[in-house]
Amino acid sequence: MRFEFIAKHRGIWPVSWICEALGVSRSGFHAWLVRAPSARARSDEEFGARVRASFISSYRTYGARRVWHDLLAEGLSCGLLRVERLMRVHGLKARPRRRGLPKDDGLRSAIADNLLDRQFTAEAPNQRWIADFTSIWTAEGWLYVAVVIDLFSRRVIGWSMSNTMTAQIVTDALIMAIWRRGKPDALLHHSDQGSQCKRVRQAALRWRR
């Protein structure tokens, strides 16, 4: 493994430096370069290619055990520990399974009429706003995002983000839109029937009062 490391990085650092750092001789490294690969090395290269092919065909989702079952199904004789070692050598690591979307138990007893009726156009600013709420999986967990868009300019005029799924973020997005647009006199505000967006409509009614 040390000689392989030297061969891989000799274009970056002098061979003498790497040999000294790893405690090996330069003559031993040069002898290794011209030496024919051992039967074990040739076998690892062949199996490594099959392991990589199985891993890539699974869209990088298979771990060592599922790759091992793939190889056994192809009639190849190998052990699970060998597959694990070859995957480490080649840097093959399965992607973590994406978590399911968070459960939404919001109540939807009152559903407003669809006044927009899929007419996603406006002749002037502040005539029709649409709002939506979504969740995005990040390395630190779920990020919840709410936005308000003016259909005239197609610009996001209000937004809010949080690491918790609450009605407050959709309310905050609407309040930002109202603050940025100077409290328009009359407009149609449309959202889906999600429980969080239902709170947006309630906030809009309180503002109109």
C-alpha atoms as a PDB file:
ATOM      1  CA  MET A   1       0.000   0.000   0.000  1.00  0.00           C
ATOM      2  CA  ARG A   2       2.878   2.375   0.753  1.00  0.00           C
ATOM      3  CA  PHE A   3       4.434   1.811  -2.663  1.00  0.00           C
ATOM      4  CA  GLU A   4       1.056   2.396  -4.302  1.00  0.00           C
ATOM      5  CA  PHE A   5       0.775   5.682  -2.405  1.00  0.00           C
ATOM      6  CA  ILE A   6       4.242   6.731  -3.597  1.00  0.00           C
ATOM      7  CA  ALA A   7       3.416   5.847  -7.214  1.00  0.00           C
ATOM      8  CA  LYS A   8       0.185   7.829  -7.042  1.00  0.00           C
ATOM      9  CA  HIS A   9       1.754  10.969  -5.534  1.00  0.00           C
ATOM     10  CA  ARG A  10       5.246  11.038  -7.056  1.00  0.00           C
ATOM     11  CA  GLY A  11       4.096  13.715  -9.498  1.00  0.00           C
ATOM     12  CA  ILE A  12       3.364  16.011  -6.535  1.00  0.00           C
ATOM     13  CA  TRP A  13       6.337  15.394  -4.229  1.00  0.00           C
ATOM     14  CA  PRO A  14       9.827  13.988  -4.860  1.00  0.00           C
ATOM     15  CA  VAL A  15      10.052  10.222  -4.458  1.00  0.00           C
ATOM     16  CA  SER A  16      12.912  10.565  -1.993  1.00  0.00           C
ATOM     17  CA  TRP A  17      10.778  12.722   0.315  1.00  0.00           C
ATOM     18  CA  ILE A  18       7.845  10.314   0.274  1.00  0.00           C
ATOM     19  CA  CYS A  19      10.075   7.257   0.804  1.00  0.00           C
ATOM     20  CA  GLU A  20      11.731   8.913   3.774  1.00  0.00           C
ATOM     21  CA  ALA A  21       8.379   9.936   5.279  1.00  0.00           C
ATOM     22  CA  LEU A  22       6.956   6.403   4.895  1.00  0.00           C
ATOM     23  CA  GLY A  23      10.142   4.645   6.032  1.00  0.00           C
ATOM     24  CA  VAL A  24      10.848   2.724   2.809  1.00  0.00           C
ATOM     25  CA  SER A  25      13.849   2.674   0.488  1.00  0.00           C
ATOM     26  CA  ARG A  26      13.914   4.198  -2.963  1.00  0.00           C
ATOM     27  CA  SER A  27      15.466   1.028  -4.356  1.00  0.00           C
ATOM     28  CA  GLY A  28      12.612  -1.027  -2.946  1.00  0.00           C
ATOM     29  CA  PHE A  29      10.075   1.313  -4.546  1.00  0.00           C
ATOM     30  CA  HIS A  30      11.767   1.172  -7.984  1.00  0.00           C
ATOM     31  CA  ALA A  31      11.979  -2.614  -7.722  1.00  0.00           C
ATOM     32  CA  TRP A  32       8.266  -2.693  -6.967  1.00  0.00           C
ATOM     33  CA  LEU A  33       7.569  -0.558 -10.045  1.00  0.00           C
ATOM     34  CA  VAL A  34       9.124  -3.080 -12.443  1.00  0.00           C
ATOM     35  CA  ARG A  35       7.893  -6.168 -10.601  1.00  0.00           C
ATOM     36  CA  ALA A  36       5.032  -8.064 -12.224  1.00  0.00           C
ATOM     37  CA  PRO A  37       1.775  -7.878 -10.234  1.00  0.00           C
ATOM     38  CA  SER A  38       1.200 -10.851  -7.967  1.00  0.00           C
ATOM     39  CA  ALA A  39      -1.665 -13.266  -8.519  1.00  0.00           C
ATOM     40  CA  ARG A  40      -3.420 -11.733  -5.532  1.00  0.00           C
ATOM     41  CA  ALA A  41      -3.065  -8.228  -6.974  1.00  0.00           C
ATOM     42  CA  ARG A  42      -4.397  -9.358 -10.364  1.00  0.00           C
ATOM     43  CA  SER A  43      -7.330 -11.071  -8.673  1.00  0.00           C
ATOM     44  CA  ASP A  44      -8.074  -7.959  -6.604  1.00  0.00           C
ATOM     45  CA  GLU A  45      -8.005  -5.848  -9.744  1.00  0.00           C
ATOM     46  CA  GLU A  46     -10.489  -8.148 -11.469  1.00  0.00           C
ATOM     47  CA  PHE A  47     -12.796  -8.391  -8.479  1.00  0.00           C
ATOM     48  CA  GLY A  48     -12.450  -4.660  -7.848  1.00  0.00           C
ATOM     49  CA  ALA A  49     -13.777  -3.952 -11.336  1.00  0.00           C
ATOM     50  CA  ARG A  50     -16.791  -6.228 -10.730  1.00  0.00           C
ATOM     51  CA  VAL A  51     -17.422  -4.657  -7.335  1.00  0.00           C
ATOM     52  CA  ARG A  52     -17.320  -1.186  -8.862  1.00  0.00           C
ATOM     53  CA  ALA A  53     -19.648  -2.212 -11.704  1.00  0.00           C
ATOM     54  CA  SER A  54     -22.235  -3.547  -9.221  1.00  0.00           C
ATOM     55  CA  PHE A  55     -21.927  -0.418  -7.084  1.00  0.00           C
ATOM     56  CA  ILE A  56     -22.342   1.971 -10.049  1.00  0.00           C
ATOM     57  CA  SER A  57     -25.300   0.013 -11.450  1.00  0.00           C
ATOM     58  CA  SER A  58     -27.102   0.513  -8.127  1.00  0.00           C
ATOM     59  CA  TYR A  59     -26.719   4.297  -8.517  1.00  0.00           C
ATOM     60  CA  ARG A  60     -24.171   4.185  -5.672  1.00  0.00           C
ATOM     61  CA  THR A  61     -26.735   2.969  -3.146  1.00  0.00           C
ATOM     62  CA  TYR A  62     -25.467  -0.598  -2.506  1.00  0.00           C
ATOM     63  CA  GLY A  63     -23.393  -1.394   0.545  1.00  0.00           C
ATOM     64  CA  ALA A  64     -20.867  -4.223   0.740  1.00  0.00           C
ATOM     65  CA  ARG A  65     -23.431  -6.922   1.563  1.00  0.00           C
ATOM     66  CA  ARG A  66     -25.679  -6.184  -1.426  1.00  0.00           C
ATOM     67  CA  VAL A  67     -22.675  -5.928  -3.755  1.00  0.00           C
ATOM     68  CA  TRP A  68     -21.496  -9.283  -2.383  1.00  0.00           C
ATOM     69  CA  HIS A  69     -24.882 -10.871  -3.168  1.00  0.00           C
ATOM     70  CA  ASP A  70     -24.620  -9.443  -6.688  1.00  0.00           C
ATOM     71  CA  LEU A  71     -21.247 -11.115  -7.213  1.00  0.00           C
ATOM     72  CA  LEU A  72     -22.512 -14.429  -5.828  1.00  0.00           C
ATOM     73  CA  ALA A  73     -25.484 -14.250  -8.203  1.00  0.00           C
ATOM     74  CA  GLU A  74     -23.021 -13.848 -11.076  1.00  0.00           C
ATOM     75  CA  GLY A  75     -21.296 -17.065 -10.026  1.00  0.00           C
ATOM     76  CA  LEU A  76     -18.204 -15.434  -8.514  1.00  0.00           C
ATOM     77  CA  SER A  77     -16.724 -16.952  -5.374  1.00  0.00           C
ATOM     78  CA  CYS A  78     -15.628 -14.372  -2.822  1.00  0.00           C
ATOM     79  CA  GLY A  79     -16.107 -13.444   0.794  1.00  0.00           C
ATOM     80  CA  LEU A  80     -17.968 -10.505   2.275  1.00  0.00           C
ATOM     81  CA  LEU A  81     -14.830  -9.243   4.024  1.00  0.00           C
ATOM     82  CA  ARG A  82     -13.001  -9.095   0.692  1.00  0.00           C
ATOM     83  CA  VAL A  83     -15.801  -7.057  -0.851  1.00  0.00           C
ATOM     84  CA  GLU A  84     -15.686  -4.679   2.118  1.00  0.00           C
ATOM     85  CA  ARG A  85     -11.909  -4.288   1.720  1.00  0.00           C
ATOM     86  CA  LEU A  86     -12.114  -3.644  -2.032  1.00  0.00           C
ATOM     87  CA  MET A  87     -14.850  -1.057  -1.543  1.00  0.00           C
ATOM     88  CA  ARG A  88     -12.671   0.771   0.985  1.00  0.00           C
ATOM     89  CA  VAL A  89      -9.667   0.637  -1.340  1.00  0.00           C
ATOM     90  CA  HIS A  90     -11.679   2.096  -4.225  1.00  0.00           C
ATOM     91  CA  GLY A  91     -13.482   4.651  -2.047  1.00  0.00           C
ATOM     92  CA  LEU A  92     -16.933   3.197  -2.731  1.00  0.00           C
ATOM     93  CA  LYS A  93     -19.372   4.301  -0.038  1.00  0.00           C
ATOM     94  CA  ALA A  94     -23.120   3.910  -0.326  1.00  0.00           C
ATOM     95  CA  ARG A  95     -25.211   7.046  -0.245  1.00  0.00           C
ATOM     96  CA  PRO A  96     -27.384   7.323   2.861  1.00  0.00           C
ATOM     97  CA  ARG A  97     -31.036   6.577   2.189  1.00  0.00           C
ATOM     98  CA  ARG A  98     -33.026   9.751   1.837  1.00  0.00           C
ATOM     99  CA  ARG A  99     -35.478  10.116   4.648  1.00  0.00           C
ATOM    100  CA  GLY A 100     -39.173  10.195   3.904  1.00  0.00           C
ATOM    101  CA  LEU A 101     -40.902  13.530   3.858  1.00  0.00           C
ATOM    102  CA  PRO A 102     -42.024  14.710   7.272  1.00  0.00           C
ATOM    103  CA  LYS A 103     -45.583  13.817   8.170  1.00  0.00           C
ATOM    104  CA  ASP A 104     -48.129  16.583   7.908  1.00  0.00           C
ATOM    105  CA  ASP A 105     -51.073  16.063  10.241  1.00  0.00           C
ATOM    106  CA  GLY A 106     -52.598  19.486   9.685  1.00  0.00           C
ATOM    107  CA  LEU A 107     -56.372  19.865   9.739  1.00  0.00           C
ATOM    108  CA  ARG A 108     -58.137  20.895   6.545  1.00  0.00           C
ATOM    109  CA  SER A 109     -61.744  21.152   7.648  1.00  0.00           C
ATOM    110  CA  ALA A 110     -62.284  24.552   5.981  1.00  0.00           C
ATOM    111  CA  ILE A 111     -61.302  24.779   2.307  1.00  0.00           C
ATOM    112  CA  ALA A 112     -61.685  28.116   0.532  1.00  0.00           C
ATOM    113  CA  ASP A 113     -62.928  28.408  -3.032  1.00  0.00           C
ATOM    114  CA  ASN A 114     -60.305  28.360  -5.780  1.00  0.00           C
ATOM    115  CA  LEU A 115     -60.751  31.933  -7.012  1.00  0.00           C
ATOM    116  CA  LEU A 116     -57.515  31.925  -9.013  1.00  0.00           C
ATOM    117  CA  ASP A 117     -58.711  29.019 -11.166  1.00  0.00           C
ATOM    118  CA  ARG A 118     -55.218  28.448 -12.657  1.00  0.00           C
ATOM    119  CA  GLN A 119     -55.073  31.942 -14.160  1.00  0.00           C
ATOM    120  CA  PHE A 120     -51.385  32.489 -13.387  1.00  0.00           C
ATOM    121  CA  THR A 121     -51.119  35.958 -14.934  1.00  0.00           C
ATOM    122  CA  ALA A 122     -51.604  39.527 -13.713  1.00  0.00           C
ATOM    123  CA  GLU A 123     -51.820  42.875 -15.521  1.00  0.00           C
ATOM    124  CA  ALA A 124     -50.169  44.902 -12.752  1.00  0.00           C
ATOM    125  CA  PRO A 125     -48.210  44.384  -9.539  1.00  0.00           C
ATOM    126  CA  ASN A 126     -50.031  43.430  -6.343  1.00  0.00           C
ATOM    127  CA  GLN A 127     -53.062  41.970  -8.088  1.00  0.00           C
ATOM    128  CA  ARG A 128     -52.354  38.280  -7.578  1.00  0.00           C
ATOM    129  CA  TRP A 129     -49.958  36.663  -5.151  1.00  0.00           C
ATOM    130  CA  ILE A 130     -49.348  32.944  -4.785  1.00  0.00           C
ATOM    131  CA  ALA A 131     -47.767  31.219  -1.803  1.00  0.00           C
ATOM    132  CA  ASP A 132     -46.253  27.805  -1.255  1.00  0.00           C
ATOM    133  CA  PHE A 133     -44.454  25.817   1.388  1.00  0.00           C
ATOM    134  CA  THR A 134     -41.861  23.059   0.918  1.00  0.00           C
ATOM    135  CA  SER A 135     -39.221  21.051   2.752  1.00  0.00           C
ATOM    136  CA  ILE A 136     -35.619  20.495   1.641  1.00  0.00           C
ATOM    137  CA  TRP A 137     -33.327  17.787   3.008  1.00  0.00           C
ATOM    138  CA  THR A 138     -29.888  19.111   3.957  1.00  0.00           C
ATOM    139  CA  ALA A 139     -26.834  17.666   5.680  1.00  0.00           C
ATOM    140  CA  GLU A 140     -28.111  19.139   8.960  1.00  0.00           C
ATOM    141  CA  GLY A 141     -31.709  17.904   8.626  1.00  0.00           C
ATOM    142  CA  TRP A 142     -34.913  19.262   7.123  1.00  0.00           C
ATOM    143  CA  LEU A 143     -35.117  22.919   6.111  1.00  0.00           C
ATOM    144  CA  TYR A 144     -38.642  24.320   5.711  1.00  0.00           C
ATOM    145  CA  VAL A 145     -39.161  27.184   3.262  1.00  0.00           C
ATOM    146  CA  ALA A 146     -42.191  29.375   2.590  1.00  0.00           C
ATOM    147  CA  VAL A 147     -42.399  31.908  -0.277  1.00  0.00           C
ATOM    148  CA  VAL A 148     -44.842  34.444  -1.718  1.00  0.00           C
ATOM    149  CA  ILE A 149     -44.619  35.299  -5.443  1.00  0.00           C
ATOM    150  CA  ASP A 150     -46.195  38.189  -7.357  1.00  0.00           C
ATOM    151  CA  LEU A 151     -47.628  36.734 -10.577  1.00  0.00           C
ATOM    152  CA  PHE A 152     -47.049  39.999 -12.462  1.00  0.00           C
ATOM    153  CA  SER A 153     -43.262  40.043 -12.126  1.00  0.00           C
ATOM    154  CA  ARG A 154     -42.800  36.385 -11.117  1.00  0.00           C
ATOM    155  CA  ARG A 155     -40.539  37.625  -8.354  1.00  0.00           C
ATOM    156  CA  VAL A 156     -40.358  36.259  -4.828  1.00  0.00           C
ATOM    157  CA  ILE A 157     -41.527  39.140  -2.662  1.00  0.00           C
ATOM    158  CA  GLY A 158     -41.681  37.357   0.675  1.00  0.00           C
ATOM    159  CA  TRP A 159     -39.897  34.372   2.144  1.00  0.00           C
ATOM    160  CA  SER A 160     -39.070  32.649   5.409  1.00  0.00           C
ATOM    161  CA  MET A 161     -37.050  29.593   6.504  1.00  0.00           C
ATOM    162  CA  SER A 162     -36.897  27.462   9.631  1.00  0.00           C
ATOM    163  CA  ASN A 163     -35.705  24.076  10.893  1.00  0.00           C
ATOM    164  CA  THR A 164     -39.171  23.345  12.283  1.00  0.00           C
ATOM    165  CA  MET A 165     -42.452  22.916  10.387  1.00  0.00           C
ATOM    166  CA  THR A 166     -44.708  25.555  11.894  1.00  0.00           C
ATOM    167  CA  ALA A 167     -47.339  27.937  10.589  1.00  0.00           C
ATOM    168  CA  GLN A 168     -45.209  30.853  11.726  1.00  0.00           C
ATOM    169  CA  ILE A 169     -42.846  30.671   8.750  1.00  0.00           C
ATOM    170  CA  VAL A 170     -45.660  31.013   6.186  1.00  0.00           C
ATOM    171  CA  THR A 171     -47.101  33.884   8.179  1.00  0.00           C
ATOM    172  CA  ASP A 172     -43.672  35.532   8.261  1.00  0.00           C
ATOM    173  CA  ALA A 173     -43.361  35.168   4.477  1.00  0.00           C
ATOM    174  CA  LEU A 174     -46.707  36.930   3.965  1.00  0.00           C
ATOM    175  CA  ILE A 175     -45.847  39.692   6.423  1.00  0.00           C
ATOM    176  CA  MET A 176     -42.579  40.311   4.573  1.00  0.00           C
ATOM    177  CA  ALA A 177     -44.438  40.546   1.252  1.00  0.00           C
ATOM    178  CA  ILE A 178     -46.943  43.026   2.729  1.00  0.00           C
ATOM    179  CA  TRP A 179     -44.130  45.105   4.257  1.00  0.00           C
ATOM    180  CA  ARG A 180     -42.128  45.182   1.015  1.00  0.00           C
ATOM    181  CA  ARG A 181     -45.143  46.070  -1.131  1.00  0.00           C
ATOM    182  CA  GLY A 182     -46.561  48.760   1.184  1.00  0.00           C
ATOM    183  CA  LYS A 183     -49.865  47.105   2.133  1.00  0.00           C
ATOM    184  CA  PRO A 184     -51.659  46.854  -1.239  1.00  0.00           C
ATOM    185  CA  ASP A 185     -55.308  47.916  -1.212  1.00  0.00           C
ATOM    186  CA  ALA A 186     -56.751  44.852  -2.952  1.00  0.00           C
ATOM    187  CA  LEU A 187     -55.225  41.611  -4.138  1.00  0.00           C
ATOM    188  CA  LEU A 188     -55.957  37.920  -4.603  1.00  0.00           C
ATOM    189  CA  HIS A 189     -53.790  35.721  -2.370  1.00  0.00           C
ATOM    190  CA  HIS A 190     -53.713  32.061  -3.431  1.00  0.00           C
ATOM    191  CA  SER A 191     -52.102  29.047  -1.757  1.00  0.00           C
ATOM    192  CA  ASP A 192     -52.575  25.290  -1.684  1.00  0.00           C
ATOM    193  CA  GLN A 193     -54.638  23.477   0.943  1.00  0.00           C
ATOM    194  CA  GLY A 194     -51.737  22.631   3.261  1.00  0.00           C
ATOM    195  CA  SER A 195     -52.261  23.223   6.955  1.00  0.00           C
ATOM    196  CA  GLN A 196     -49.435  25.756   7.117  1.00  0.00           C
ATOM    197  CA  CYS A 197     -50.713  27.746   4.144  1.00  0.00           C
ATOM    198  CA  LYS A 198     -54.164  27.734   5.699  1.00  0.00           C
ATOM    199  CA  ARG A 199     -52.636  29.897   8.430  1.00  0.00           C
ATOM    200  CA  VAL A 200     -51.438  32.291   5.712  1.00  0.00           C
ATOM    201  CA  ARG A 201     -55.024  32.862   4.622  1.00  0.00           C
ATOM    202  CA  GLN A 202     -56.041  33.440   8.225  1.00  0.00           C
ATOM    203  CA  ALA A 203     -53.246  36.010   8.621  1.00  0.00           C
ATOM    204  CA  ALA A 204     -54.355  37.722   5.408  1.00  0.00           C
ATOM    205  CA  LEU A 205     -57.905  38.013   6.736  1.00  0.00           C
ATOM    206  CA  ARG A 206     -56.648  39.553   9.999  1.00  0.00           C
ATOM    207  CA  TRP A 207     -54.583  42.064   7.996  1.00  0.00           C
ATOM    208  CA  ARG A 208     -57.622  43.095   5.886  1.00  0.00           C
ATOM    209  CA  ARG A 209     -59.646  43.714   9.048  1.00  0.00           C
END
